[in-house]
Amino acid sequence: MDIRLTDLFIFPLGFGLGIFYFTCLWFTVQHLTRTQHPVLLIVSSGVARLSVALLAFYFLIGGHWERIIIALLGFLLARTLLIARWRPQTRLADLGLED
């Protein structure tokens, strides 16, 4: 497999795109209870996030199918880290495991 220098920048760019996408999703969910038009917020945010992500992936791959795999790995790593970061923390007392 021939790895070029430009391919090395695809992973962090995919990671950054994942941070952007899932941070915007988190922001949208947090504001659903405070908005007067939740459906409009969900639809507009979804269309905007999806448009940016697809357009960014299109320019990132540049006609090389290998780059989409590298970019998606960065994107999914960002998702995994943000889920771990934003997951509600439970205490042992809440689970009934503590005396």
C-alpha atoms as a PDB file:
ATOM      1  CA  MET A   1       0.000   0.000   0.000  1.00  0.00           C
ATOM      2  CA  ASP A   2       1.422   3.330  -1.044  1.00  0.00           C
ATOM      3  CA  ILE A   3       0.860   5.968   1.656  1.00  0.00           C
ATOM      4  CA  ARG A   4       1.467   9.529   0.571  1.00  0.00           C
ATOM      5  CA  LEU A   5       2.082  12.501   2.832  1.00  0.00           C
ATOM      6  CA  THR A   6      -1.371  13.920   2.019  1.00  0.00           C
ATOM      7  CA  ASP A   7      -2.968  10.681   3.232  1.00  0.00           C
ATOM      8  CA  LEU A   8      -1.489  11.273   6.678  1.00  0.00           C
ATOM      9  CA  PHE A   9      -3.520  14.461   7.049  1.00  0.00           C
ATOM     10  CA  ILE A  10      -6.804  12.717   6.224  1.00  0.00           C
ATOM     11  CA  PHE A  11      -7.141  11.004   9.623  1.00  0.00           C
ATOM     12  CA  PRO A  12      -6.916  14.198  11.732  1.00  0.00           C
ATOM     13  CA  LEU A  13      -9.193  15.997   9.280  1.00  0.00           C
ATOM     14  CA  GLY A  14     -11.746  13.187   9.599  1.00  0.00           C
ATOM     15  CA  PHE A  15     -11.350  13.403  13.376  1.00  0.00           C
ATOM     16  CA  GLY A  16     -11.970  17.161  13.286  1.00  0.00           C
ATOM     17  CA  LEU A  17     -14.998  16.648  11.083  1.00  0.00           C
ATOM     18  CA  GLY A  18     -16.337  14.128  13.601  1.00  0.00           C
ATOM     19  CA  ILE A  19     -15.794  16.584  16.457  1.00  0.00           C
ATOM     20  CA  PHE A  20     -17.691  19.240  14.486  1.00  0.00           C
ATOM     21  CA  TYR A  21     -20.547  16.903  13.529  1.00  0.00           C
ATOM     22  CA  PHE A  22     -21.180  15.389  16.936  1.00  0.00           C
ATOM     23  CA  THR A  23     -20.653  18.646  18.845  1.00  0.00           C
ATOM     24  CA  CYS A  24     -23.322  20.260  16.671  1.00  0.00           C
ATOM     25  CA  LEU A  25     -25.586  17.266  17.311  1.00  0.00           C
ATOM     26  CA  TRP A  26     -25.030  17.586  21.066  1.00  0.00           C
ATOM     27  CA  PHE A  27     -25.726  21.326  20.885  1.00  0.00           C
ATOM     28  CA  THR A  28     -28.976  20.637  19.002  1.00  0.00           C
ATOM     29  CA  VAL A  29     -30.184  18.080  21.530  1.00  0.00           C
ATOM     30  CA  GLN A  30     -29.343  20.394  24.438  1.00  0.00           C
ATOM     31  CA  HIS A  31     -31.446  23.200  22.936  1.00  0.00           C
ATOM     32  CA  LEU A  32     -34.522  21.154  22.038  1.00  0.00           C
ATOM     33  CA  THR A  33     -36.293  21.962  25.292  1.00  0.00           C
ATOM     34  CA  ARG A  34     -35.592  25.687  25.009  1.00  0.00           C
ATOM     35  CA  THR A  35     -36.741  26.323  21.462  1.00  0.00           C
ATOM     36  CA  GLN A  36     -40.239  27.181  20.304  1.00  0.00           C
ATOM     37  CA  HIS A  37     -39.799  25.181  17.085  1.00  0.00           C
ATOM     38  CA  PRO A  38     -38.016  21.896  17.915  1.00  0.00           C
ATOM     39  CA  VAL A  39     -38.842  20.236  14.588  1.00  0.00           C
ATOM     40  CA  LEU A  40     -37.342  23.140  12.663  1.00  0.00           C
ATOM     41  CA  LEU A  41     -34.219  22.947  14.829  1.00  0.00           C
ATOM     42  CA  ILE A  42     -33.828  19.196  14.305  1.00  0.00           C
ATOM     43  CA  VAL A  43     -34.384  19.330  10.546  1.00  0.00           C
ATOM     44  CA  SER A  44     -32.236  22.394   9.870  1.00  0.00           C
ATOM     45  CA  SER A  45     -29.417  21.152  12.085  1.00  0.00           C
ATOM     46  CA  GLY A  46     -29.534  17.709  10.504  1.00  0.00           C
ATOM     47  CA  VAL A  47     -29.472  19.076   6.970  1.00  0.00           C
ATOM     48  CA  ALA A  48     -26.643  21.491   7.793  1.00  0.00           C
ATOM     49  CA  ARG A  49     -24.511  18.860   9.568  1.00  0.00           C
ATOM     50  CA  LEU A  50     -25.070  16.274   6.853  1.00  0.00           C
ATOM     51  CA  SER A  51     -24.330  18.773   4.070  1.00  0.00           C
ATOM     52  CA  VAL A  52     -21.085  19.894   5.679  1.00  0.00           C
ATOM     53  CA  ALA A  53     -19.988  16.319   6.420  1.00  0.00           C
ATOM     54  CA  LEU A  54     -20.742  14.987   2.935  1.00  0.00           C
ATOM     55  CA  LEU A  55     -19.123  17.952   1.232  1.00  0.00           C
ATOM     56  CA  ALA A  56     -16.046  17.666   3.456  1.00  0.00           C
ATOM     57  CA  PHE A  57     -15.748  13.923   2.829  1.00  0.00           C
ATOM     58  CA  TYR A  58     -16.089  14.529  -0.910  1.00  0.00           C
ATOM     59  CA  PHE A  59     -13.196  17.008  -0.897  1.00  0.00           C
ATOM     60  CA  LEU A  60     -11.120  14.918   1.520  1.00  0.00           C
ATOM     61  CA  ILE A  61     -11.150  11.761  -0.569  1.00  0.00           C
ATOM     62  CA  GLY A  62     -10.204  13.530  -3.789  1.00  0.00           C
ATOM     63  CA  GLY A  63     -10.939  10.499  -5.944  1.00  0.00           C
ATOM     64  CA  HIS A  64      -8.965   8.045  -3.788  1.00  0.00           C
ATOM     65  CA  TRP A  65     -11.200   5.427  -2.184  1.00  0.00           C
ATOM     66  CA  GLU A  66      -8.571   4.586   0.438  1.00  0.00           C
ATOM     67  CA  ARG A  67      -8.891   8.051   1.931  1.00  0.00           C
ATOM     68  CA  ILE A  68     -12.562   7.579   2.806  1.00  0.00           C
ATOM     69  CA  ILE A  69     -11.618   4.656   5.046  1.00  0.00           C
ATOM     70  CA  ILE A  70      -8.939   6.717   6.794  1.00  0.00           C
ATOM     71  CA  ALA A  71     -11.287   9.712   7.187  1.00  0.00           C
ATOM     72  CA  LEU A  72     -14.121   7.532   8.525  1.00  0.00           C
ATOM     73  CA  LEU A  73     -11.786   5.987  11.095  1.00  0.00           C
ATOM     74  CA  GLY A  74     -10.969   9.479  12.391  1.00  0.00           C
ATOM     75  CA  PHE A  75     -14.671  10.408  12.299  1.00  0.00           C
ATOM     76  CA  LEU A  76     -15.658   7.305  14.288  1.00  0.00           C
ATOM     77  CA  LEU A  77     -12.843   7.805  16.792  1.00  0.00           C
ATOM     78  CA  ALA A  78     -14.183  11.301  17.481  1.00  0.00           C
ATOM     79  CA  ARG A  79     -17.657   9.815  17.980  1.00  0.00           C
ATOM     80  CA  THR A  80     -16.344   7.212  20.416  1.00  0.00           C
ATOM     81  CA  LEU A  81     -14.374   9.740  22.456  1.00  0.00           C
ATOM     82  CA  LEU A  82     -17.265  12.210  22.633  1.00  0.00           C
ATOM     83  CA  ILE A  83     -19.706   9.507  23.725  1.00  0.00           C
ATOM     84  CA  ALA A  84     -17.327   8.532  26.515  1.00  0.00           C
ATOM     85  CA  ARG A  85     -16.886  12.192  27.464  1.00  0.00           C
ATOM     86  CA  TRP A  86     -20.579  13.147  27.479  1.00  0.00           C
ATOM     87  CA  ARG A  87     -22.021   9.930  28.907  1.00  0.00           C
ATOM     88  CA  PRO A  88     -23.847  10.598  32.176  1.00  0.00           C
ATOM     89  CA  GLN A  89     -21.768   9.425  35.094  1.00  0.00           C
ATOM     90  CA  THR A  90     -23.569   7.072  37.475  1.00  0.00           C
ATOM     91  CA  ARG A  91     -22.624   6.627  41.076  1.00  0.00           C
ATOM     92  CA  LEU A  92     -22.597   3.309  42.892  1.00  0.00           C
ATOM     93  CA  ALA A  93     -25.276   4.583  45.272  1.00  0.00           C
ATOM     94  CA  ASP A  94     -27.600   5.249  42.297  1.00  0.00           C
ATOM     95  CA  LEU A  95     -27.196   1.643  41.166  1.00  0.00           C
ATOM     96  CA  GLY A  96     -27.854   0.228  44.628  1.00  0.00           C
ATOM     97  CA  LEU A  97     -24.409  -1.354  44.794  1.00  0.00           C
ATOM     98  CA  GLU A  98     -23.196   0.684  47.743  1.00  0.00           C
ATOM     99  CA  ASP A  99     -24.239   0.124  51.365  1.00  0.00           C
END
